[in-house]
Every structure is written in structure tokens, then in C-alpha cells.
Amino acid sequence: MKLSLVVPCFNEARAIPLFREAVRALELPYDLEFIFVNDGSTDESLMVLRQLAEADPAVHYLSFSRNFGKEAALLAGLRRASGEWIVTLDVDLQHPVKLLPEMTAILARGEADCVAARRTTRAGEPPIRSAFARMFYVLLNRLSEVRMRGGETDYRMMTCQVRDAVLALPEVNRFTKGIYAWVGFRTRWLEFENVDRAVGESKWSFWGLVRYSIQGLSAFSAAPLQLASVLGLVCCLAALVYLLYILGKTLLVGEAVGGWPTLACLILFLGGLQLFVIGILGTYLAKVYIETKHRPVYLIQEER
């Protein structure tokens, strides 16, 4: 039985050897295949991967021509994996490798097709980031057809059947967490407390996570598009109510209504609303535009 470990890397030269040693220390009774995906790192990550591949025949790597993002790295690793079971996890050891024996045991007993891990705490994260993360999961579950758990991570072990189902979805704009939920299959959840990085700092900025959240929401929900129609209807009703108010005040009370403050407020309100709706439409149109160009999700410059 072969177990393939798909590990995206971006500027993780110091973490890569620590990760490999931590996995080897578990002494798993399987043939291991390490697939590191170098996502356009600018540090010494590629050199470290070359050295590890020379010393250990179980270590393989794919090196992108530039930074294409974690979603592209996960896709490339899943395509390359040749094991009967495949696990995706981070190289910084925030995904505890000590869960691997339990994951393999669950799959070996046939209790699930996929074993996923979720964080029960967000200790160490900025409070604002944690709050926005919780809001994202609430919105996604209410507005889309998929259901996701709070604290869900990319730390998953799956069978080849699940991997093939994930790869069968050909979209370029990928949101892997949502794809896992969409394809279904029996999933067993393991919980763990938040763990600090072994070395280095997180490569995710706050705005990077915001853009990632928008990508995930637009990939699995058409609710934002329907919001445009709802907002238009609300504005029409509000305008009708305000018109009746003006007529009533003028005819019954005889008081003239000031024009320019009301007009200025209405113009600003409706202008901002229109720009907001155009932005929503633009987000979906941009995704369609990118998909129709049929560009590859990533380009590999070097592999072994």
C-alpha cells in the first residue's frame, strides 16, 4: 500500500526538512511518496527539494514557473500522486502529522472514503481574522448548495475514488474545500486544536483571505447575483413609498418639500447601489471570462 503526501510549498525552505523528518518519525507501515509542490518560491525551497530528492527516492517535487497559488499547487499534487491513498497537508506542521496513523486506520477499516481535519480553536490568530472566518462559513452555508464546517482545513486523506472525483471537475477557478463538499462521499472528521507554525510566518494576508473567500462564495453560490434583483425591487418600493409621502405631505399639509438635499441623497444612494451590483456582476463575468480562455491552471518548470 502506498500513501502519497501532497504538500504545497511557498518560501518554506526551513520547514521542508522538518516536515519530512516529522513524517518519517511516525514509522507508518506504508510506502510513502512525498510530493512537494514548489509554488514559485523565491527563497531556497527548490534547492532544498533537489537535495532531498537526491537523498531520498521517495521524495518528488514539482516546481512552478511562478506563483500560481495554493489551489493550483493542490491540483498539481493530486494529479501527480500515484498512491492508493492520498493526503494533502501543509508543510509548516500546523496540520499535526500525528493524526496520520488515525487517518490511515479509518480508511483501512473502510469506515470512510475521506478523513478530514478541522480546527476546534483559532488560538493565536488575530481576532478580526477569526471573526471574518466564522462569518464566511455562515454565509457560505446559507447561500450555497454545499455545506462546510467551521474550522475546516485542507488536511485530508482520501481514496483514489475521491481524488478522481475531485479531478473530474475541470474549472480553473478552484475552491477545493467547496469541491470536496460538492463531490460528497463518506467523510469522517477529526478535530485538533490550533498549532503554531514550526518556522516562518503565514503567507496569507488579511486581504488575500478576503479575496479567497469571495472566490469560494462565487464558485458555489448564485445568491449574490439574485441579490441584485432583490435590491432593485427594494429600491423601487422605497421610491414608491417616498413618492406617496411627498404627495401626502404636499396635498394634506401644504408644506413644500426641499428638493436638493433629497435629490443629492437619492443620487448617492442609487449610484452606490448600482456600482455595488455592477461589482457583483463583474465578479461572475470575470470568472466566466477566465474559464473560456482555457488557460492551464499552472505551468511546471522543473519536476522530479
C-alpha atoms as a PDB file:
ATOM      1  CA  MET A   1       0.000   0.000   0.000  1.00  0.00           C
ATOM      2  CA  LYS A   2       1.371   3.407  -0.995  1.00  0.00           C
ATOM      3  CA  LEU A   3       0.472   6.658   0.766  1.00  0.00           C
ATOM      4  CA  SER A   4       1.066   9.862  -1.223  1.00  0.00           C
ATOM      5  CA  LEU A   5       1.569  13.104   0.690  1.00  0.00           C
ATOM      6  CA  VAL A   6       0.760  16.214  -1.365  1.00  0.00           C
ATOM      7  CA  VAL A   7       2.491  19.218   0.214  1.00  0.00           C
ATOM      8  CA  PRO A   8       2.254  22.750  -1.287  1.00  0.00           C
ATOM      9  CA  CYS A   9       5.277  24.940  -0.510  1.00  0.00           C
ATOM     10  CA  PHE A  10       5.819  28.667  -0.866  1.00  0.00           C
ATOM     11  CA  ASN A  11       9.020  30.039   0.634  1.00  0.00           C
ATOM     12  CA  GLU A  12       9.291  27.146   3.113  1.00  0.00           C
ATOM     13  CA  ALA A  13      12.974  26.229   2.828  1.00  0.00           C
ATOM     14  CA  ARG A  14      13.382  25.790   6.589  1.00  0.00           C
ATOM     15  CA  ALA A  15      10.105  23.920   7.100  1.00  0.00           C
ATOM     16  CA  ILE A  16      10.512  21.279   4.359  1.00  0.00           C
ATOM     17  CA  PRO A  17      13.210  19.159   6.090  1.00  0.00           C
ATOM     18  CA  LEU A  18      11.384  19.430   9.429  1.00  0.00           C
ATOM     19  CA  PHE A  19       8.180  18.181   7.828  1.00  0.00           C
ATOM     20  CA  ARG A  20       9.863  15.191   6.198  1.00  0.00           C
ATOM     21  CA  GLU A  21      11.587  14.228   9.456  1.00  0.00           C
ATOM     22  CA  ALA A  22       8.326  14.518  11.416  1.00  0.00           C
ATOM     23  CA  VAL A  23       6.529  12.185   8.995  1.00  0.00           C
ATOM     24  CA  ARG A  24       9.389   9.694   8.901  1.00  0.00           C
ATOM     25  CA  ALA A  25       9.457   9.625  12.717  1.00  0.00           C
ATOM     26  CA  LEU A  26       5.916   8.184  12.707  1.00  0.00           C
ATOM     27  CA  GLU A  27       7.209   4.968  11.064  1.00  0.00           C
ATOM     28  CA  LEU A  28       3.991   4.417   9.143  1.00  0.00           C
ATOM     29  CA  PRO A  29       3.673   0.861   7.770  1.00  0.00           C
ATOM     30  CA  TYR A  30       3.166   2.082   4.202  1.00  0.00           C
ATOM     31  CA  ASP A  31       5.300   3.034   1.232  1.00  0.00           C
ATOM     32  CA  LEU A  32       5.468   6.809   1.418  1.00  0.00           C
ATOM     33  CA  GLU A  33       5.523   9.156  -1.557  1.00  0.00           C
ATOM     34  CA  PHE A  34       6.313  12.791  -0.795  1.00  0.00           C
ATOM     35  CA  ILE A  35       5.092  15.176  -3.499  1.00  0.00           C
ATOM     36  CA  PHE A  36       6.229  18.699  -2.706  1.00  0.00           C
ATOM     37  CA  VAL A  37       4.820  21.397  -4.971  1.00  0.00           C
ATOM     38  CA  ASN A  38       7.064  24.444  -5.106  1.00  0.00           C
ATOM     39  CA  ASP A  39       4.643  27.289  -5.830  1.00  0.00           C
ATOM     40  CA  GLY A  40       7.091  29.812  -7.249  1.00  0.00           C
ATOM     41  CA  SER A  41       9.174  30.208  -4.092  1.00  0.00           C
ATOM     42  CA  THR A  42      11.767  32.979  -4.051  1.00  0.00           C
ATOM     43  CA  ASP A  43      13.865  31.504  -1.225  1.00  0.00           C
ATOM     44  CA  GLU A  44      15.961  28.308  -1.214  1.00  0.00           C
ATOM     45  CA  SER A  45      12.966  25.944  -1.266  1.00  0.00           C
ATOM     46  CA  LEU A  46      13.763  24.490  -4.691  1.00  0.00           C
ATOM     47  CA  MET A  47      17.390  23.829  -3.747  1.00  0.00           C
ATOM     48  CA  VAL A  48      16.268  22.072  -0.562  1.00  0.00           C
ATOM     49  CA  LEU A  49      13.832  19.932  -2.569  1.00  0.00           C
ATOM     50  CA  ARG A  50      16.568  18.980  -5.032  1.00  0.00           C
ATOM     51  CA  GLN A  51      18.809  17.859  -2.198  1.00  0.00           C
ATOM     52  CA  LEU A  52      16.057  15.827  -0.533  1.00  0.00           C
ATOM     53  CA  ALA A  53      15.117  14.181  -3.841  1.00  0.00           C
ATOM     54  CA  GLU A  54      18.758  13.178  -4.370  1.00  0.00           C
ATOM     55  CA  ALA A  55      18.997  11.662  -0.888  1.00  0.00           C
ATOM     56  CA  ASP A  56      15.541  10.044  -0.670  1.00  0.00           C
ATOM     57  CA  PRO A  57      13.927   8.279  -3.669  1.00  0.00           C
ATOM     58  CA  ALA A  58      10.508   8.704  -2.012  1.00  0.00           C
ATOM     59  CA  VAL A  59      10.735  12.482  -2.352  1.00  0.00           C
ATOM     60  CA  HIS A  60       9.407  14.052  -5.545  1.00  0.00           C
ATOM     61  CA  TYR A  61       8.746  17.649  -6.389  1.00  0.00           C
ATOM     62  CA  LEU A  62       7.012  19.853  -8.930  1.00  0.00           C
ATOM     63  CA  SER A  63       8.288  23.402  -9.346  1.00  0.00           C
ATOM     64  CA  PHE A  64       6.013  26.014 -10.929  1.00  0.00           C
ATOM     65  CA  SER A  65       7.306  28.691 -13.291  1.00  0.00           C
ATOM     66  CA  ARG A  66       5.825  31.308 -10.942  1.00  0.00           C
ATOM     67  CA  ASN A  67       3.446  31.590  -8.017  1.00  0.00           C
ATOM     68  CA  PHE A  68       0.059  30.228  -9.118  1.00  0.00           C
ATOM     69  CA  GLY A  69      -1.492  29.888  -5.651  1.00  0.00           C
ATOM     70  CA  LYS A  70      -2.266  27.068  -3.246  1.00  0.00           C
ATOM     71  CA  GLU A  71      -5.279  25.822  -5.204  1.00  0.00           C
ATOM     72  CA  ALA A  72      -3.089  25.232  -8.262  1.00  0.00           C
ATOM     73  CA  ALA A  73      -0.483  23.504  -6.099  1.00  0.00           C
ATOM     74  CA  LEU A  74      -3.074  21.142  -4.638  1.00  0.00           C
ATOM     75  CA  LEU A  75      -4.389  20.329  -8.113  1.00  0.00           C
ATOM     76  CA  ALA A  76      -0.902  19.585  -9.444  1.00  0.00           C
ATOM     77  CA  GLY A  77      -0.077  17.370  -6.480  1.00  0.00           C
ATOM     78  CA  LEU A  78      -3.305  15.393  -6.732  1.00  0.00           C
ATOM     79  CA  ARG A  79      -2.686  14.803 -10.423  1.00  0.00           C
ATOM     80  CA  ARG A  80       0.843  13.556  -9.741  1.00  0.00           C
ATOM     81  CA  ALA A  81       0.024  11.320  -6.752  1.00  0.00           C
ATOM     82  CA  SER A  82       0.229   7.599  -7.511  1.00  0.00           C
ATOM     83  CA  GLY A  83      -0.657   6.127  -4.114  1.00  0.00           C
ATOM     84  CA  GLU A  84      -3.810   4.191  -3.244  1.00  0.00           C
ATOM     85  CA  TRP A  85      -4.412   6.806  -0.546  1.00  0.00           C
ATOM     86  CA  ILE A  86      -3.608  10.488  -0.889  1.00  0.00           C
ATOM     87  CA  VAL A  87      -3.289  13.083   1.851  1.00  0.00           C
ATOM     88  CA  THR A  88      -2.996  16.851   1.401  1.00  0.00           C
ATOM     89  CA  LEU A  89      -1.464  18.906   4.208  1.00  0.00           C
ATOM     90  CA  ASP A  90       0.631  21.988   4.913  1.00  0.00           C
ATOM     91  CA  VAL A  91       4.393  21.846   5.225  1.00  0.00           C
ATOM     92  CA  ASP A  92       4.555  24.225   8.218  1.00  0.00           C
ATOM     93  CA  LEU A  93       3.337  21.465  10.594  1.00  0.00           C
ATOM     94  CA  GLN A  94       0.211  23.422  11.555  1.00  0.00           C
ATOM     95  CA  HIS A  95      -1.568  20.308  10.323  1.00  0.00           C
ATOM     96  CA  PRO A  96      -0.459  17.803  13.006  1.00  0.00           C
ATOM     97  CA  VAL A  97       1.184  14.803  11.347  1.00  0.00           C
ATOM     98  CA  LYS A  98       0.345  12.778  14.474  1.00  0.00           C
ATOM     99  CA  LEU A  99      -3.154  12.402  13.014  1.00  0.00           C
ATOM    100  CA  LEU A 100      -1.855  10.395  10.058  1.00  0.00           C
ATOM    101  CA  PRO A 101      -1.912   6.984  11.818  1.00  0.00           C
ATOM    102  CA  GLU A 102      -5.538   7.515  12.867  1.00  0.00           C
ATOM    103  CA  MET A 103      -6.477   8.626   9.367  1.00  0.00           C
ATOM    104  CA  THR A 104      -4.928   5.571   7.761  1.00  0.00           C
ATOM    105  CA  ALA A 105      -6.597   3.307  10.321  1.00  0.00           C
ATOM    106  CA  ILE A 106     -10.043   4.729   9.475  1.00  0.00           C
ATOM    107  CA  LEU A 107      -9.529   4.203   5.746  1.00  0.00           C
ATOM    108  CA  ALA A 108      -8.084   0.720   6.334  1.00  0.00           C
ATOM    109  CA  ARG A 109     -11.218  -0.285   8.249  1.00  0.00           C
ATOM    110  CA  GLY A 110     -13.408   1.042   5.428  1.00  0.00           C
ATOM    111  CA  GLU A 111     -15.257   3.429   7.725  1.00  0.00           C
ATOM    112  CA  ALA A 112     -14.970   6.360   5.331  1.00  0.00           C
ATOM    113  CA  ASP A 113     -13.794   7.363   1.873  1.00  0.00           C
ATOM    114  CA  CYS A 114     -12.225  10.591   3.117  1.00  0.00           C
ATOM    115  CA  VAL A 115     -10.860  11.648   6.508  1.00  0.00           C
ATOM    116  CA  ALA A 116     -10.758  15.401   7.051  1.00  0.00           C
ATOM    117  CA  ALA A 117      -9.407  17.528   9.893  1.00  0.00           C
ATOM    118  CA  ARG A 118     -10.884  20.694  11.342  1.00  0.00           C
ATOM    119  CA  ARG A 119      -9.593  23.127  13.930  1.00  0.00           C
ATOM    120  CA  THR A 120     -11.640  23.498  17.096  1.00  0.00           C
ATOM    121  CA  THR A 121      -9.858  26.700  18.145  1.00  0.00           C
ATOM    122  CA  ARG A 122      -8.215  29.654  16.430  1.00  0.00           C
ATOM    123  CA  ALA A 123      -5.823  30.486  19.232  1.00  0.00           C
ATOM    124  CA  GLY A 124      -3.009  32.709  18.064  1.00  0.00           C
ATOM    125  CA  GLU A 125      -4.949  34.244  15.179  1.00  0.00           C
ATOM    126  CA  PRO A 126      -5.893  37.950  15.121  1.00  0.00           C
ATOM    127  CA  PRO A 127      -9.458  38.364  16.438  1.00  0.00           C
ATOM    128  CA  ILE A 128     -10.602  40.171  13.283  1.00  0.00           C
ATOM    129  CA  ARG A 129      -9.397  37.344  11.044  1.00  0.00           C
ATOM    130  CA  SER A 130     -11.128  34.745  13.228  1.00  0.00           C
ATOM    131  CA  ALA A 131     -14.384  36.715  13.195  1.00  0.00           C
ATOM    132  CA  PHE A 132     -14.358  37.070   9.405  1.00  0.00           C
ATOM    133  CA  ALA A 133     -13.578  33.365   9.010  1.00  0.00           C
ATOM    134  CA  ARG A 134     -16.637  32.438  11.082  1.00  0.00           C
ATOM    135  CA  MET A 135     -18.786  34.868   9.084  1.00  0.00           C
ATOM    136  CA  PHE A 136     -17.595  33.314   5.830  1.00  0.00           C
ATOM    137  CA  TYR A 137     -18.660  29.796   6.809  1.00  0.00           C
ATOM    138  CA  VAL A 138     -22.069  31.063   7.972  1.00  0.00           C
ATOM    139  CA  LEU A 139     -22.649  32.920   4.693  1.00  0.00           C
ATOM    140  CA  LEU A 140     -21.471  30.046   2.512  1.00  0.00           C
ATOM    141  CA  ASN A 141     -23.686  27.515   4.269  1.00  0.00           C
ATOM    142  CA  ARG A 142     -26.733  29.758   3.978  1.00  0.00           C
ATOM    143  CA  LEU A 143     -26.248  30.902   0.397  1.00  0.00           C
ATOM    144  CA  SER A 144     -24.809  27.862  -1.389  1.00  0.00           C
ATOM    145  CA  GLU A 145     -25.677  24.253  -2.075  1.00  0.00           C
ATOM    146  CA  VAL A 146     -22.616  22.936  -0.258  1.00  0.00           C
ATOM    147  CA  ARG A 147     -22.221  22.585   3.499  1.00  0.00           C
ATOM    148  CA  MET A 148     -18.938  23.271   5.223  1.00  0.00           C
ATOM    149  CA  ARG A 149     -17.887  23.050   8.847  1.00  0.00           C
ATOM    150  CA  GLY A 150     -16.252  25.883  10.717  1.00  0.00           C
ATOM    151  CA  GLY A 151     -12.503  25.439  11.042  1.00  0.00           C
ATOM    152  CA  GLU A 152     -12.341  23.158   8.019  1.00  0.00           C
ATOM    153  CA  THR A 153      -8.810  22.792   6.600  1.00  0.00           C
ATOM    154  CA  ASP A 154      -7.088  21.328   3.546  1.00  0.00           C
ATOM    155  CA  TYR A 155      -5.763  18.492   5.726  1.00  0.00           C
ATOM    156  CA  ARG A 156      -7.479  15.445   4.209  1.00  0.00           C
ATOM    157  CA  MET A 157      -6.722  11.838   3.442  1.00  0.00           C
ATOM    158  CA  MET A 158      -8.756  10.246   0.677  1.00  0.00           C
ATOM    159  CA  THR A 159      -9.053   7.199  -1.513  1.00  0.00           C
ATOM    160  CA  CYS A 160      -8.284   7.241  -5.225  1.00  0.00           C
ATOM    161  CA  GLN A 161     -12.010   7.323  -5.944  1.00  0.00           C
ATOM    162  CA  VAL A 162     -12.419  10.620  -4.094  1.00  0.00           C
ATOM    163  CA  ARG A 163      -9.275  12.042  -5.713  1.00  0.00           C
ATOM    164  CA  ASP A 164     -10.548  11.125  -9.179  1.00  0.00           C
ATOM    165  CA  ALA A 165     -13.900  12.760  -8.454  1.00  0.00           C
ATOM    166  CA  VAL A 166     -12.157  15.981  -7.384  1.00  0.00           C
ATOM    167  CA  LEU A 167     -10.006  15.972 -10.521  1.00  0.00           C
ATOM    168  CA  ALA A 168     -13.080  15.387 -12.694  1.00  0.00           C
ATOM    169  CA  LEU A 169     -14.200  18.952 -12.005  1.00  0.00           C
ATOM    170  CA  PRO A 170     -12.388  20.931 -14.724  1.00  0.00           C
ATOM    171  CA  GLU A 171     -12.878  24.530 -13.561  1.00  0.00           C
ATOM    172  CA  VAL A 172      -9.909  26.886 -13.474  1.00  0.00           C
ATOM    173  CA  ASN A 173     -11.240  28.999 -10.590  1.00  0.00           C
ATOM    174  CA  ARG A 174     -10.955  26.309  -7.947  1.00  0.00           C
ATOM    175  CA  PHE A 175     -12.118  26.342  -4.346  1.00  0.00           C
ATOM    176  CA  THR A 176     -11.023  22.923  -3.148  1.00  0.00           C
ATOM    177  CA  LYS A 177     -12.876  22.935   0.177  1.00  0.00           C
ATOM    178  CA  GLY A 178     -16.133  23.507  -1.683  1.00  0.00           C
ATOM    179  CA  ILE A 179     -15.251  20.863  -4.270  1.00  0.00           C
ATOM    180  CA  TYR A 180     -14.768  18.265  -1.531  1.00  0.00           C
ATOM    181  CA  ALA A 181     -18.208  19.112  -0.163  1.00  0.00           C
ATOM    182  CA  TRP A 182     -19.776  19.033  -3.626  1.00  0.00           C
ATOM    183  CA  VAL A 183     -18.459  15.588  -4.644  1.00  0.00           C
ATOM    184  CA  GLY A 184     -19.733  14.077  -1.392  1.00  0.00           C
ATOM    185  CA  PHE A 185     -18.576  10.570  -0.337  1.00  0.00           C
ATOM    186  CA  ARG A 186     -18.397   9.321   3.241  1.00  0.00           C
ATOM    187  CA  THR A 187     -16.298  11.753   5.239  1.00  0.00           C
ATOM    188  CA  ARG A 188     -15.022  11.243   8.775  1.00  0.00           C
ATOM    189  CA  TRP A 189     -13.976  14.341  10.710  1.00  0.00           C
ATOM    190  CA  LEU A 190     -11.089  14.590  13.154  1.00  0.00           C
ATOM    191  CA  GLU A 191     -10.669  17.615  15.378  1.00  0.00           C
ATOM    192  CA  PHE A 192      -7.472  19.265  16.556  1.00  0.00           C
ATOM    193  CA  GLU A 193      -6.500  22.430  18.365  1.00  0.00           C
ATOM    194  CA  ASN A 194      -4.726  25.181  16.503  1.00  0.00           C
ATOM    195  CA  VAL A 195      -0.957  24.633  16.301  1.00  0.00           C
ATOM    196  CA  ASP A 196       1.656  27.329  15.731  1.00  0.00           C
ATOM    197  CA  ARG A 197       3.886  27.149  12.680  1.00  0.00           C
ATOM    198  CA  ALA A 198       7.132  25.268  13.150  1.00  0.00           C
ATOM    199  CA  VAL A 199       9.128  28.075  11.493  1.00  0.00           C
ATOM    200  CA  GLY A 200       8.447  31.210   9.482  1.00  0.00           C
ATOM    201  CA  GLU A 201       5.291  33.257   9.117  1.00  0.00           C
ATOM    202  CA  SER A 202       1.979  32.755   7.370  1.00  0.00           C
ATOM    203  CA  LYS A 203       1.957  33.750   3.691  1.00  0.00           C
ATOM    204  CA  TRP A 204      -1.749  34.626   3.837  1.00  0.00           C
ATOM    205  CA  SER A 205      -2.540  38.315   4.269  1.00  0.00           C
ATOM    206  CA  PHE A 206      -5.923  39.515   5.503  1.00  0.00           C
ATOM    207  CA  TRP A 207      -6.929  40.799   2.060  1.00  0.00           C
ATOM    208  CA  GLY A 208      -5.658  37.626   0.462  1.00  0.00           C
ATOM    209  CA  LEU A 209      -8.071  35.665   2.643  1.00  0.00           C
ATOM    210  CA  VAL A 210     -10.882  38.092   1.753  1.00  0.00           C
ATOM    211  CA  ARG A 211     -10.283  37.520  -1.967  1.00  0.00           C
ATOM    212  CA  TYR A 212     -10.139  33.768  -1.365  1.00  0.00           C
ATOM    213  CA  SER A 213     -13.475  33.944   0.472  1.00  0.00           C
ATOM    214  CA  ILE A 214     -15.089  35.874  -2.386  1.00  0.00           C
ATOM    215  CA  GLN A 215     -13.769  33.274  -4.816  1.00  0.00           C
ATOM    216  CA  GLY A 216     -15.245  30.466  -2.727  1.00  0.00           C
ATOM    217  CA  LEU A 217     -18.623  32.164  -2.353  1.00  0.00           C
ATOM    218  CA  SER A 218     -18.933  32.984  -6.053  1.00  0.00           C
ATOM    219  CA  ALA A 219     -17.835  29.465  -7.043  1.00  0.00           C
ATOM    220  CA  PHE A 220     -20.669  27.699  -5.241  1.00  0.00           C
ATOM    221  CA  SER A 221     -23.495  30.210  -4.968  1.00  0.00           C
ATOM    222  CA  ALA A 222     -25.562  32.331  -7.351  1.00  0.00           C
ATOM    223  CA  ALA A 223     -27.153  34.172  -4.432  1.00  0.00           C
ATOM    224  CA  PRO A 224     -25.087  37.360  -4.968  1.00  0.00           C
ATOM    225  CA  LEU A 225     -26.495  37.592  -8.494  1.00  0.00           C
ATOM    226  CA  GLN A 226     -30.026  37.193  -7.175  1.00  0.00           C
ATOM    227  CA  LEU A 227     -29.252  39.898  -4.638  1.00  0.00           C
ATOM    228  CA  ALA A 228     -29.182  42.427  -7.488  1.00  0.00           C
ATOM    229  CA  SER A 229     -32.846  41.734  -8.294  1.00  0.00           C
ATOM    230  CA  VAL A 230     -33.818  41.941  -4.637  1.00  0.00           C
ATOM    231  CA  LEU A 231     -32.037  45.272  -4.185  1.00  0.00           C
ATOM    232  CA  GLY A 232     -33.714  46.650  -7.319  1.00  0.00           C
ATOM    233  CA  LEU A 233     -37.130  45.657  -6.014  1.00  0.00           C
ATOM    234  CA  VAL A 234     -36.427  47.177  -2.602  1.00  0.00           C
ATOM    235  CA  CYS A 235     -35.326  50.454  -4.201  1.00  0.00           C
ATOM    236  CA  CYS A 236     -38.471  50.594  -6.318  1.00  0.00           C
ATOM    237  CA  LEU A 237     -40.683  50.023  -3.276  1.00  0.00           C
ATOM    238  CA  ALA A 238     -38.732  52.609  -1.267  1.00  0.00           C
ATOM    239  CA  ALA A 239     -39.099  55.147  -4.079  1.00  0.00           C
ATOM    240  CA  LEU A 240     -42.845  54.464  -4.268  1.00  0.00           C
ATOM    241  CA  VAL A 241     -43.280  54.884  -0.526  1.00  0.00           C
ATOM    242  CA  TYR A 242     -41.287  58.112  -0.563  1.00  0.00           C
ATOM    243  CA  LEU A 243     -43.347  59.417  -3.502  1.00  0.00           C
ATOM    244  CA  LEU A 244     -46.574  58.768  -1.594  1.00  0.00           C
ATOM    245  CA  TYR A 245     -45.076  60.510   1.429  1.00  0.00           C
ATOM    246  CA  ILE A 246     -44.221  63.610  -0.623  1.00  0.00           C
ATOM    247  CA  LEU A 247     -47.675  63.726  -2.237  1.00  0.00           C
ATOM    248  CA  GLY A 248     -49.401  63.291   1.081  1.00  0.00           C
ATOM    249  CA  LYS A 249     -47.308  65.949   2.782  1.00  0.00           C
ATOM    250  CA  THR A 250     -47.865  68.422  -0.064  1.00  0.00           C
ATOM    251  CA  LEU A 251     -51.603  67.842  -0.578  1.00  0.00           C
ATOM    252  CA  LEU A 252     -52.705  67.358   3.012  1.00  0.00           C
ATOM    253  CA  VAL A 253     -50.359  69.639   4.912  1.00  0.00           C
ATOM    254  CA  GLY A 254     -49.473  72.046   2.151  1.00  0.00           C
ATOM    255  CA  GLU A 255     -45.784  72.028   3.069  1.00  0.00           C
ATOM    256  CA  ALA A 256     -43.282  72.155   0.231  1.00  0.00           C
ATOM    257  CA  VAL A 257     -40.538  69.540   0.326  1.00  0.00           C
ATOM    258  CA  GLY A 258     -36.936  70.706  -0.115  1.00  0.00           C
ATOM    259  CA  GLY A 259     -35.523  69.346  -3.337  1.00  0.00           C
ATOM    260  CA  TRP A 260     -31.754  69.406  -3.427  1.00  0.00           C
ATOM    261  CA  PRO A 261     -30.894  67.544  -0.170  1.00  0.00           C
ATOM    262  CA  THR A 262     -33.332  64.766  -1.030  1.00  0.00           C
ATOM    263  CA  LEU A 263     -32.113  64.625  -4.603  1.00  0.00           C
ATOM    264  CA  ALA A 264     -28.455  64.504  -3.552  1.00  0.00           C
ATOM    265  CA  CYS A 265     -29.072  61.672  -1.089  1.00  0.00           C
ATOM    266  CA  LEU A 266     -31.057  59.657  -3.643  1.00  0.00           C
ATOM    267  CA  ILE A 267     -28.388  60.087  -6.322  1.00  0.00           C
ATOM    268  CA  LEU A 268     -25.613  58.995  -3.964  1.00  0.00           C
ATOM    269  CA  PHE A 269     -27.634  56.054  -2.669  1.00  0.00           C
ATOM    270  CA  LEU A 270     -28.720  54.754  -6.066  1.00  0.00           C
ATOM    271  CA  GLY A 271     -25.279  55.394  -7.592  1.00  0.00           C
ATOM    272  CA  GLY A 272     -23.563  53.429  -4.851  1.00  0.00           C
ATOM    273  CA  LEU A 273     -26.135  50.652  -5.136  1.00  0.00           C
ATOM    274  CA  GLN A 274     -25.649  50.392  -8.882  1.00  0.00           C
ATOM    275  CA  LEU A 275     -21.869  50.238  -8.529  1.00  0.00           C
ATOM    276  CA  PHE A 276     -22.249  47.519  -5.886  1.00  0.00           C
ATOM    277  CA  VAL A 277     -24.451  45.426  -8.170  1.00  0.00           C
ATOM    278  CA  ILE A 278     -22.139  46.013 -11.137  1.00  0.00           C
ATOM    279  CA  GLY A 279     -19.263  44.785  -8.984  1.00  0.00           C
ATOM    280  CA  ILE A 280     -21.139  41.556  -8.244  1.00  0.00           C
ATOM    281  CA  LEU A 281     -21.895  41.042 -11.923  1.00  0.00           C
ATOM    282  CA  GLY A 282     -18.276  41.810 -12.769  1.00  0.00           C
ATOM    283  CA  THR A 283     -17.026  39.133 -10.368  1.00  0.00           C
ATOM    284  CA  TYR A 284     -19.068  36.426 -12.068  1.00  0.00           C
ATOM    285  CA  LEU A 285     -18.335  37.756 -15.563  1.00  0.00           C
ATOM    286  CA  ALA A 286     -14.592  37.721 -14.820  1.00  0.00           C
ATOM    287  CA  LYS A 287     -14.816  34.060 -13.740  1.00  0.00           C
ATOM    288  CA  VAL A 288     -16.637  33.178 -16.983  1.00  0.00           C
ATOM    289  CA  TYR A 289     -14.040  35.123 -18.995  1.00  0.00           C
ATOM    290  CA  ILE A 290     -11.152  33.275 -17.345  1.00  0.00           C
ATOM    291  CA  GLU A 291     -12.808  29.885 -17.853  1.00  0.00           C
ATOM    292  CA  THR A 292     -13.466  30.492 -21.558  1.00  0.00           C
ATOM    293  CA  LYS A 293      -9.789  31.226 -22.252  1.00  0.00           C
ATOM    294  CA  HIS A 294      -8.902  27.639 -21.266  1.00  0.00           C
ATOM    295  CA  ARG A 295      -5.519  28.596 -19.875  1.00  0.00           C
ATOM    296  CA  PRO A 296      -3.712  25.940 -17.811  1.00  0.00           C
ATOM    297  CA  VAL A 297      -4.092  26.300 -14.070  1.00  0.00           C
ATOM    298  CA  TYR A 298      -0.303  26.133 -13.629  1.00  0.00           C
ATOM    299  CA  LEU A 299       2.941  25.658 -15.559  1.00  0.00           C
ATOM    300  CA  ILE A 300       5.666  23.304 -14.355  1.00  0.00           C
ATOM    301  CA  GLN A 301       9.233  24.457 -14.873  1.00  0.00           C
ATOM    302  CA  GLU A 302      11.001  21.535 -13.203  1.00  0.00           C
ATOM    303  CA  GLU A 303       9.962  18.211 -11.731  1.00  0.00           C
ATOM    304  CA  ARG A 304      11.410  15.042 -10.397  1.00  0.00           C
END
